[in-house]
Amino acid sequence: MKLQTDIRTWQPQSMPGSFATVRDWENFGCAYPAPKLVPSIWVKLFNPPTAFSFDEAWLLCECSDEKWLAWIPDYGEILLSKDEFCATKS
C-alpha cells in the first residue's frame, strides 16, 4: 500500500470479495440484483476452499439465515456463509 500524504488524493481500495459497481458484479459472473437463493442452483465462490477446487458450488440446503450447505465438484460438501458466494447468471 502506498502512503498518500494529501487526504484529498486518497481513493478507497477495493477489497477482495467486495464490489463497487454493478459492472464489477457482472464481470465476476454474478447476477445483479442478486436473485433469491434456493436449493439446486450454482453459485460463484469468492474464495474457493483450495487452489485445485472448482470456483462454483451447488447449493444443497439452507442451514440458517446466513449459512448454506453446498457441494463443490472434486472437493465435497462445505458449509458456506452468504458473504462467501454470489448467484451466477442463468
PDB file of N, CA and C in Angstrom:
ATOM      1  N   MET A   1       0.845  -1.168   0.000  1.00  0.00           N
ATOM      2  CA  MET A   1       0.000   0.000   0.000  1.00  0.00           C
ATOM      3  C   MET A   1       0.892   1.234   0.000  1.00  0.00           C
ATOM      4  N   LYS A   2       0.556   2.181  -0.841  1.00  0.00           N
ATOM      5  CA  LYS A   2       1.333   3.397  -0.967  1.00  0.00           C
ATOM      6  C   LYS A   2       0.796   4.457  -0.002  1.00  0.00           C
ATOM      7  N   LEU A   3       1.676   5.098   0.717  1.00  0.00           N
ATOM      8  CA  LEU A   3       1.282   6.157   1.629  1.00  0.00           C
ATOM      9  C   LEU A   3       0.999   7.422   0.830  1.00  0.00           C
ATOM     10  N   GLN A   4      -0.165   7.994   1.031  1.00  0.00           N
ATOM     11  CA  GLN A   4      -0.517   9.230   0.347  1.00  0.00           C
ATOM     12  C   GLN A   4      -0.554  10.343   1.375  1.00  0.00           C
ATOM     13  N   THR A   5       0.185  11.415   1.103  1.00  0.00           N
ATOM     14  CA  THR A   5       0.313  12.479   2.090  1.00  0.00           C
ATOM     15  C   THR A   5      -0.843  13.466   2.046  1.00  0.00           C
ATOM     16  N   ASP A   6      -1.539  13.561   0.953  1.00  0.00           N
ATOM     17  CA  ASP A   6      -2.636  14.504   0.844  1.00  0.00           C
ATOM     18  C   ASP A   6      -3.963  13.749   0.894  1.00  0.00           C
ATOM     19  N   ILE A   7      -4.778  14.030   1.888  1.00  0.00           N
ATOM     20  CA  ILE A   7      -6.042  13.326   2.063  1.00  0.00           C
ATOM     21  C   ILE A   7      -6.972  13.543   0.872  1.00  0.00           C
ATOM     22  N   ARG A   8      -6.823  14.627   0.141  1.00  0.00           N
ATOM     23  CA  ARG A   8      -7.697  14.902  -0.991  1.00  0.00           C
ATOM     24  C   ARG A   8      -7.440  13.944  -2.152  1.00  0.00           C
ATOM     25  N   THR A   9      -6.298  13.277  -2.190  1.00  0.00           N
ATOM     26  CA  THR A   9      -5.994  12.354  -3.285  1.00  0.00           C
ATOM     27  C   THR A   9      -6.303  10.909  -2.926  1.00  0.00           C
ATOM     28  N   TRP A  10      -6.734  10.661  -1.703  1.00  0.00           N
ATOM     29  CA  TRP A  10      -6.991   9.300  -1.271  1.00  0.00           C
ATOM     30  C   TRP A  10      -8.228   8.737  -1.954  1.00  0.00           C
ATOM     31  N   GLN A  11      -8.124   7.499  -2.426  1.00  0.00           N
ATOM     32  CA  GLN A  11      -9.251   6.779  -3.021  1.00  0.00           C
ATOM     33  C   GLN A  11      -9.396   5.457  -2.277  1.00  0.00           C
ATOM     34  N   PRO A  12     -10.617   5.048  -1.932  1.00  0.00           N
ATOM     35  CA  PRO A  12     -10.782   3.773  -1.247  1.00  0.00           C
ATOM     36  C   PRO A  12     -10.335   2.624  -2.136  1.00  0.00           C
ATOM     37  N   GLN A  13      -9.677   1.643  -1.540  1.00  0.00           N
ATOM     38  CA  GLN A  13      -9.190   0.480  -2.269  1.00  0.00           C
ATOM     39  C   GLN A  13     -10.255  -0.599  -2.263  1.00  0.00           C
ATOM     40  N   SER A  14     -10.394  -1.285  -3.373  1.00  0.00           N
ATOM     41  CA  SER A  14     -11.349  -2.379  -3.462  1.00  0.00           C
ATOM     42  C   SER A  14     -10.780  -3.590  -2.735  1.00  0.00           C
ATOM     43  N   MET A  15     -11.569  -4.179  -1.869  1.00  0.00           N
ATOM     44  CA  MET A  15     -11.158  -5.366  -1.128  1.00  0.00           C
ATOM     45  C   MET A  15     -11.596  -6.610  -1.895  1.00  0.00           C
ATOM     46  N   PRO A  16     -10.873  -7.729  -1.787  1.00  0.00           N
ATOM     47  CA  PRO A  16     -11.318  -8.956  -2.440  1.00  0.00           C
ATOM     48  C   PRO A  16     -12.700  -9.353  -1.936  1.00  0.00           C
ATOM     49  N   GLY A  17     -13.575  -9.694  -2.876  1.00  0.00           N
ATOM     50  CA  GLY A  17     -14.918 -10.078  -2.491  1.00  0.00           C
ATOM     51  C   GLY A  17     -15.871  -8.908  -2.330  1.00  0.00           C
ATOM     52  N   SER A  18     -15.386  -7.670  -2.531  1.00  0.00           N
ATOM     53  CA  SER A  18     -16.275  -6.519  -2.463  1.00  0.00           C
ATOM     54  C   SER A  18     -16.440  -5.937  -3.862  1.00  0.00           C
ATOM     55  N   PHE A  19     -17.606  -5.421  -4.124  1.00  0.00           N
ATOM     56  CA  PHE A  19     -17.910  -4.918  -5.455  1.00  0.00           C
ATOM     57  C   PHE A  19     -18.399  -3.486  -5.351  1.00  0.00           C
ATOM     58  N   ALA A  20     -17.789  -2.611  -6.137  1.00  0.00           N
ATOM     59  CA  ALA A  20     -18.144  -1.205  -6.080  1.00  0.00           C
ATOM     60  C   ALA A  20     -19.285  -0.865  -7.024  1.00  0.00           C
ATOM     61  N   THR A  21     -19.397  -1.566  -8.136  1.00  0.00           N
ATOM     62  CA  THR A  21     -20.399  -1.229  -9.134  1.00  0.00           C
ATOM     63  C   THR A  21     -21.090  -2.486  -9.644  1.00  0.00           C
ATOM     64  N   VAL A  22     -22.181  -2.279 -10.350  1.00  0.00           N
ATOM     65  CA  VAL A  22     -22.892  -3.384 -10.970  1.00  0.00           C
ATOM     66  C   VAL A  22     -21.983  -4.071 -11.978  1.00  0.00           C
ATOM     67  N   ARG A  23     -21.171  -3.303 -12.702  1.00  0.00           N
ATOM     68  CA  ARG A  23     -20.261  -3.877 -13.691  1.00  0.00           C
ATOM     69  C   ARG A  23     -19.266  -4.834 -13.032  1.00  0.00           C
ATOM     70  N   ASP A  24     -18.815  -4.525 -11.810  1.00  0.00           N
ATOM     71  CA  ASP A  24     -17.922  -5.435 -11.086  1.00  0.00           C
ATOM     72  C   ASP A  24     -18.610  -6.772 -10.844  1.00  0.00           C
ATOM     73  N   TRP A  25     -19.885  -6.733 -10.448  1.00  0.00           N
ATOM     74  CA  TRP A  25     -20.651  -7.966 -10.242  1.00  0.00           C
ATOM     75  C   TRP A  25     -20.732  -8.748 -11.540  1.00  0.00           C
ATOM     76  N   GLU A  26     -21.063  -8.053 -12.628  1.00  0.00           N
ATOM     77  CA  GLU A  26     -21.223  -8.723 -13.915  1.00  0.00           C
ATOM     78  C   GLU A  26     -19.905  -9.313 -14.401  1.00  0.00           C
ATOM     79  N   ASN A  27     -18.810  -8.605 -14.208  1.00  0.00           N
ATOM     80  CA  ASN A  27     -17.505  -9.119 -14.635  1.00  0.00           C
ATOM     81  C   ASN A  27     -17.118 -10.362 -13.853  1.00  0.00           C
ATOM     82  N   PHE A  28     -17.540 -10.445 -12.612  1.00  0.00           N
ATOM     83  CA  PHE A  28     -17.233 -11.617 -11.793  1.00  0.00           C
ATOM     84  C   PHE A  28     -18.127 -12.799 -12.154  1.00  0.00           C
ATOM     85  N   GLY A  29     -19.237 -12.524 -12.850  1.00  0.00           N
ATOM     86  CA  GLY A  29     -20.157 -13.587 -13.249  1.00  0.00           C
ATOM     87  C   GLY A  29     -21.363 -13.710 -12.344  1.00  0.00           C
ATOM     88  N   CYS A  30     -21.599 -12.704 -11.525  1.00  0.00           N
ATOM     89  CA  CYS A  30     -22.716 -12.737 -10.589  1.00  0.00           C
ATOM     90  C   CYS A  30     -23.935 -12.056 -11.191  1.00  0.00           C
ATOM     91  N   ALA A  31     -25.092 -12.542 -10.819  1.00  0.00           N
ATOM     92  CA  ALA A  31     -26.334 -11.902 -11.225  1.00  0.00           C
ATOM     93  C   ALA A  31     -26.565 -10.689 -10.325  1.00  0.00           C
ATOM     94  N   TYR A  32     -26.988  -9.594 -10.917  1.00  0.00           N
ATOM     95  CA  TYR A  32     -27.270  -8.397 -10.127  1.00  0.00           C
ATOM     96  C   TYR A  32     -28.555  -7.791 -10.645  1.00  0.00           C
ATOM     97  N   PRO A  33     -29.534  -7.507  -9.830  1.00  0.00           N
ATOM     98  CA  PRO A  33     -29.532  -7.744  -8.393  1.00  0.00           C
ATOM     99  C   PRO A  33     -29.560  -9.239  -8.080  1.00  0.00           C
ATOM    100  N   ALA A  34     -29.067  -9.569  -6.927  1.00  0.00           N
ATOM    101  CA  ALA A  34     -28.943 -10.973  -6.544  1.00  0.00           C
ATOM    102  C   ALA A  34     -30.317 -11.633  -6.470  1.00  0.00           C
ATOM    103  N   PRO A  35     -30.471 -12.786  -7.131  1.00  0.00           N
ATOM    104  CA  PRO A  35     -31.756 -13.486  -7.060  1.00  0.00           C
ATOM    105  C   PRO A  35     -31.927 -14.173  -5.703  1.00  0.00           C
ATOM    106  N   LYS A  36     -33.149 -14.592  -5.425  1.00  0.00           N
ATOM    107  CA  LYS A  36     -33.429 -15.316  -4.186  1.00  0.00           C
ATOM    108  C   LYS A  36     -32.663 -16.635  -4.209  1.00  0.00           C
ATOM    109  N   LEU A  37     -31.993 -16.935  -3.137  1.00  0.00           N
ATOM    110  CA  LEU A  37     -31.244 -18.181  -3.048  1.00  0.00           C
ATOM    111  C   LEU A  37     -32.187 -19.331  -2.757  1.00  0.00           C
ATOM    112  N   VAL A  38     -32.061 -20.373  -3.539  1.00  0.00           N
ATOM    113  CA  VAL A  38     -32.869 -21.578  -3.384  1.00  0.00           C
ATOM    114  C   VAL A  38     -31.965 -22.781  -3.580  1.00  0.00           C
ATOM    115  N   PRO A  39     -32.344 -23.942  -3.066  1.00  0.00           N
ATOM    116  CA  PRO A  39     -31.538 -25.139  -3.311  1.00  0.00           C
ATOM    117  C   PRO A  39     -31.478 -25.471  -4.806  1.00  0.00           C
ATOM    118  N   SER A  40     -30.446 -26.179  -5.202  1.00  0.00           N
ATOM    119  CA  SER A  40     -30.261 -26.667  -6.573  1.00  0.00           C
ATOM    120  C   SER A  40     -29.921 -25.584  -7.578  1.00  0.00           C
ATOM    121  N   ILE A  41     -29.163 -24.565  -7.141  1.00  0.00           N
ATOM    122  CA  ILE A  41     -28.627 -23.596  -8.099  1.00  0.00           C
ATOM    123  C   ILE A  41     -27.115 -23.517  -7.912  1.00  0.00           C
ATOM    124  N   TRP A  42     -26.424 -23.123  -8.979  1.00  0.00           N
ATOM    125  CA  TRP A  42     -24.983 -22.926  -8.915  1.00  0.00           C
ATOM    126  C   TRP A  42     -24.687 -21.520  -8.422  1.00  0.00           C
ATOM    127  N   VAL A  43     -23.675 -21.393  -7.578  1.00  0.00           N
ATOM    128  CA  VAL A  43     -23.218 -20.092  -7.098  1.00  0.00           C
ATOM    129  C   VAL A  43     -21.721 -19.970  -7.349  1.00  0.00           C
ATOM    130  N   LYS A  44     -21.269 -18.748  -7.515  1.00  0.00           N
ATOM    131  CA  LYS A  44     -19.857 -18.455  -7.751  1.00  0.00           C
ATOM    132  C   LYS A  44     -19.184 -18.186  -6.400  1.00  0.00           C
ATOM    133  N   LEU A  45     -18.064 -18.863  -6.134  1.00  0.00           N
ATOM    134  CA  LEU A  45     -17.339 -18.691  -4.865  1.00  0.00           C
ATOM    135  C   LEU A  45     -16.330 -17.557  -4.982  1.00  0.00           C
ATOM    136  N   PHE A  46     -16.287 -16.683  -4.007  1.00  0.00           N
ATOM    137  CA  PHE A  46     -15.291 -15.612  -3.996  1.00  0.00           C
ATOM    138  C   PHE A  46     -13.897 -16.173  -3.733  1.00  0.00           C
ATOM    139  N   ASN A  47     -13.797 -17.130  -2.813  1.00  0.00           N
ATOM    140  CA  ASN A  47     -12.521 -17.758  -2.463  1.00  0.00           C
ATOM    141  C   ASN A  47     -12.724 -19.267  -2.367  1.00  0.00           C
ATOM    142  N   PRO A  48     -12.394 -20.015  -3.434  1.00  0.00           N
ATOM    143  CA  PRO A  48     -12.540 -21.478  -3.362  1.00  0.00           C
ATOM    144  C   PRO A  48     -11.728 -22.044  -2.205  1.00  0.00           C
ATOM    145  N   PRO A  49     -12.171 -23.187  -1.643  1.00  0.00           N
ATOM    146  CA  PRO A  49     -11.503 -23.736  -0.454  1.00  0.00           C
ATOM    147  C   PRO A  49     -10.055 -24.177  -0.701  1.00  0.00           C
ATOM    148  N   THR A  50      -9.731 -24.616  -1.916  1.00  0.00           N
ATOM    149  CA  THR A  50      -8.343 -24.965  -2.246  1.00  0.00           C
ATOM    150  C   THR A  50      -8.010 -24.411  -3.620  1.00  0.00           C
ATOM    151  N   ALA A  51      -6.740 -24.374  -3.931  1.00  0.00           N
ATOM    152  CA  ALA A  51      -6.306 -23.889  -5.237  1.00  0.00           C
ATOM    153  C   ALA A  51      -6.731 -24.833  -6.358  1.00  0.00           C
ATOM    154  N   PHE A  52      -7.048 -26.071  -6.020  1.00  0.00           N
ATOM    155  CA  PHE A  52      -7.383 -27.073  -7.028  1.00  0.00           C
ATOM    156  C   PHE A  52      -8.879 -27.346  -7.135  1.00  0.00           C
ATOM    157  N   SER A  53      -9.693 -26.723  -6.291  1.00  0.00           N
ATOM    158  CA  SER A  53     -11.129 -26.976  -6.337  1.00  0.00           C
ATOM    159  C   SER A  53     -11.810 -26.016  -7.314  1.00  0.00           C
ATOM    160  N   PHE A  54     -13.024 -26.361  -7.695  1.00  0.00           N
ATOM    161  CA  PHE A  54     -13.798 -25.512  -8.596  1.00  0.00           C
ATOM    162  C   PHE A  54     -14.147 -24.206  -7.903  1.00  0.00           C
ATOM    163  N   ASP A  55     -14.458 -23.179  -8.697  1.00  0.00           N
ATOM    164  CA  ASP A  55     -14.834 -21.887  -8.131  1.00  0.00           C
ATOM    165  C   ASP A  55     -16.354 -21.699  -8.102  1.00  0.00           C
ATOM    166  N   GLU A  56     -17.095 -22.801  -8.316  1.00  0.00           N
ATOM    167  CA  GLU A  56     -18.541 -22.770  -8.218  1.00  0.00           C
ATOM    168  C   GLU A  56     -19.018 -23.893  -7.306  1.00  0.00           C
ATOM    169  N   ALA A  57     -20.179 -23.687  -6.703  1.00  0.00           N
ATOM    170  CA  ALA A  57     -20.750 -24.688  -5.796  1.00  0.00           C
ATOM    171  C   ALA A  57     -22.235 -24.841  -6.079  1.00  0.00           C
ATOM    172  N   TRP A  58     -22.765 -26.022  -5.796  1.00  0.00           N
ATOM    173  CA  TRP A  58     -24.174 -26.351  -5.971  1.00  0.00           C
ATOM    174  C   TRP A  58     -24.826 -26.266  -4.597  1.00  0.00           C
ATOM    175  N   LEU A  59     -25.805 -25.370  -4.426  1.00  0.00           N
ATOM    176  CA  LEU A  59     -26.465 -25.229  -3.129  1.00  0.00           C
ATOM    177  C   LEU A  59     -27.349 -26.429  -2.854  1.00  0.00           C
ATOM    178  N   LEU A  60     -27.178 -27.034  -1.680  1.00  0.00           N
ATOM    179  CA  LEU A  60     -27.960 -28.202  -1.295  1.00  0.00           C
ATOM    180  C   LEU A  60     -29.141 -27.817  -0.416  1.00  0.00           C
ATOM    181  N   CYS A  61     -28.873 -27.104   0.682  1.00  0.00           N
ATOM    182  CA  CYS A  61     -29.962 -26.685   1.560  1.00  0.00           C
ATOM    183  C   CYS A  61     -29.504 -25.533   2.447  1.00  0.00           C
ATOM    184  N   GLU A  62     -30.476 -24.749   2.902  1.00  0.00           N
ATOM    185  CA  GLU A  62     -30.204 -23.630   3.794  1.00  0.00           C
ATOM    186  C   GLU A  62     -30.159 -24.157   5.223  1.00  0.00           C
ATOM    187  N   CYS A  63     -29.075 -23.893   5.927  1.00  0.00           N
ATOM    188  CA  CYS A  63     -28.916 -24.379   7.301  1.00  0.00           C
ATOM    189  C   CYS A  63     -29.361 -23.341   8.327  1.00  0.00           C
ATOM    190  N   SER A  64     -29.207 -22.062   7.997  1.00  0.00           N
ATOM    191  CA  SER A  64     -29.654 -20.965   8.853  1.00  0.00           C
ATOM    192  C   SER A  64     -29.844 -19.744   7.962  1.00  0.00           C
ATOM    193  N   ASP A  65     -30.146 -18.602   8.568  1.00  0.00           N
ATOM    194  CA  ASP A  65     -30.339 -17.383   7.762  1.00  0.00           C
ATOM    195  C   ASP A  65     -29.085 -16.985   6.997  1.00  0.00           C
ATOM    196  N   GLU A  66     -27.923 -17.321   7.511  1.00  0.00           N
ATOM    197  CA  GLU A  66     -26.661 -16.904   6.890  1.00  0.00           C
ATOM    198  C   GLU A  66     -25.808 -18.043   6.351  1.00  0.00           C
ATOM    199  N   LYS A  67     -26.204 -19.295   6.536  1.00  0.00           N
ATOM    200  CA  LYS A  67     -25.373 -20.447   6.141  1.00  0.00           C
ATOM    201  C   LYS A  67     -26.110 -21.369   5.169  1.00  0.00           C
ATOM    202  N   TRP A  68     -25.358 -21.883   4.193  1.00  0.00           N
ATOM    203  CA  TRP A  68     -25.872 -22.846   3.219  1.00  0.00           C
ATOM    204  C   TRP A  68     -24.928 -24.033   3.138  1.00  0.00           C
ATOM    205  N   LEU A  69     -25.506 -25.230   3.035  1.00  0.00           N
ATOM    206  CA  LEU A  69     -24.732 -26.428   2.760  1.00  0.00           C
ATOM    207  C   LEU A  69     -24.625 -26.519   1.245  1.00  0.00           C
ATOM    208  N   ALA A  70     -23.416 -26.710   0.745  1.00  0.00           N
ATOM    209  CA  ALA A  70     -23.192 -26.743  -0.696  1.00  0.00           C
ATOM    210  C   ALA A  70     -22.256 -27.888  -1.044  1.00  0.00           C
ATOM    211  N   TRP A  71     -22.219 -28.224  -2.327  1.00  0.00           N
ATOM    212  CA  TRP A  71     -21.326 -29.257  -2.839  1.00  0.00           C
ATOM    213  C   TRP A  71     -20.440 -28.640  -3.912  1.00  0.00           C
ATOM    214  N   ILE A  72     -19.126 -28.861  -3.793  1.00  0.00           N
ATOM    215  CA  ILE A  72     -18.154 -28.364  -4.768  1.00  0.00           C
ATOM    216  C   ILE A  72     -17.558 -29.570  -5.481  1.00  0.00           C
ATOM    217  N   PRO A  73     -17.619 -29.600  -6.834  1.00  0.00           N
ATOM    218  CA  PRO A  73     -17.029 -30.724  -7.566  1.00  0.00           C
ATOM    219  C   PRO A  73     -15.558 -30.926  -7.200  1.00  0.00           C
ATOM    220  N   ASP A  74     -15.150 -32.166  -7.077  1.00  0.00           N
ATOM    221  CA  ASP A  74     -13.778 -32.548  -6.715  1.00  0.00           C
ATOM    222  C   ASP A  74     -13.345 -32.064  -5.338  1.00  0.00           C
ATOM    223  N   TYR A  75     -14.300 -31.616  -4.518  1.00  0.00           N
ATOM    224  CA  TYR A  75     -13.988 -31.206  -3.147  1.00  0.00           C
ATOM    225  C   TYR A  75     -14.930 -31.888  -2.165  1.00  0.00           C
ATOM    226  N   GLY A  76     -16.238 -31.737  -2.383  1.00  0.00           N
ATOM    227  CA  GLY A  76     -17.225 -32.341  -1.498  1.00  0.00           C
ATOM    228  C   GLY A  76     -18.137 -31.304  -0.885  1.00  0.00           C
ATOM    229  N   GLU A  77     -18.764 -31.668   0.223  1.00  0.00           N
ATOM    230  CA  GLU A  77     -19.696 -30.771   0.895  1.00  0.00           C
ATOM    231  C   GLU A  77     -18.949 -29.734   1.717  1.00  0.00           C
ATOM    232  N   ILE A  78     -19.565 -28.553   1.819  1.00  0.00           N
ATOM    233  CA  ILE A  78     -18.975 -27.451   2.565  1.00  0.00           C
ATOM    234  C   ILE A  78     -20.092 -26.569   3.097  1.00  0.00           C
ATOM    235  N   LEU A  79     -19.880 -25.966   4.245  1.00  0.00           N
ATOM    236  CA  LEU A  79     -20.832 -25.024   4.817  1.00  0.00           C
ATOM    237  C   LEU A  79     -20.344 -23.622   4.457  1.00  0.00           C
ATOM    238  N   LEU A  80     -21.173 -22.862   3.749  1.00  0.00           N
ATOM    239  CA  LEU A  80     -20.791 -21.538   3.265  1.00  0.00           C
ATOM    240  C   LEU A  80     -21.637 -20.450   3.909  1.00  0.00           C
ATOM    241  N   SER A  81     -21.025 -19.323   4.199  1.00  0.00           N
ATOM    242  CA  SER A  81     -21.756 -18.130   4.614  1.00  0.00           C
ATOM    243  C   SER A  81     -22.222 -17.406   3.356  1.00  0.00           C
ATOM    244  N   LYS A  82     -23.297 -16.653   3.460  1.00  0.00           N
ATOM    245  CA  LYS A  82     -23.822 -15.936   2.298  1.00  0.00           C
ATOM    246  C   LYS A  82     -22.812 -14.945   1.722  1.00  0.00           C
ATOM    247  N   ASP A  83     -21.889 -14.452   2.535  1.00  0.00           N
ATOM    248  CA  ASP A  83     -20.906 -13.485   2.025  1.00  0.00           C
ATOM    249  C   ASP A  83     -19.724 -14.167   1.336  1.00  0.00           C
ATOM    250  N   GLU A  84     -19.752 -15.486   1.192  1.00  0.00           N
ATOM    251  CA  GLU A  84     -18.679 -16.215   0.512  1.00  0.00           C
ATOM    252  C   GLU A  84     -19.008 -16.569  -0.934  1.00  0.00           C
ATOM    253  N   PHE A  85     -20.228 -16.237  -1.391  1.00  0.00           N
ATOM    254  CA  PHE A  85     -20.622 -16.596  -2.746  1.00  0.00           C
ATOM    255  C   PHE A  85     -21.666 -15.632  -3.275  1.00  0.00           C
ATOM    256  N   CYS A  86     -21.902 -15.703  -4.588  1.00  0.00           N
ATOM    257  CA  CYS A  86     -22.988 -14.957  -5.213  1.00  0.00           C
ATOM    258  C   CYS A  86     -23.649 -15.853  -6.239  1.00  0.00           C
ATOM    259  N   ALA A  87     -24.909 -15.603  -6.520  1.00  0.00           N
ATOM    260  CA  ALA A  87     -25.638 -16.395  -7.501  1.00  0.00           C
ATOM    261  C   ALA A  87     -25.126 -16.057  -8.899  1.00  0.00           C
ATOM    262  N   THR A  88     -24.958 -17.070  -9.723  1.00  0.00           N
ATOM    263  CA  THR A  88     -24.486 -16.858 -11.084  1.00  0.00           C
ATOM    264  C   THR A  88     -25.654 -16.547 -11.997  1.00  0.00           C
ATOM    265  N   LYS A  89     -25.323 -15.967 -13.138  1.00  0.00           N
ATOM    266  CA  LYS A  89     -26.351 -15.682 -14.141  1.00  0.00           C
ATOM    267  C   LYS A  89     -26.871 -16.997 -14.695  1.00  0.00           C
ATOM    268  N   SER A  90     -28.148 -17.041 -14.985  1.00  0.00           N
ATOM    269  CA  SER A  90     -28.702 -18.278 -15.551  1.00  0.00           C
ATOM    270  C   SER A  90     -28.761 -18.229 -17.060  1.00  0.00           C
TER     271      SER A  90
END
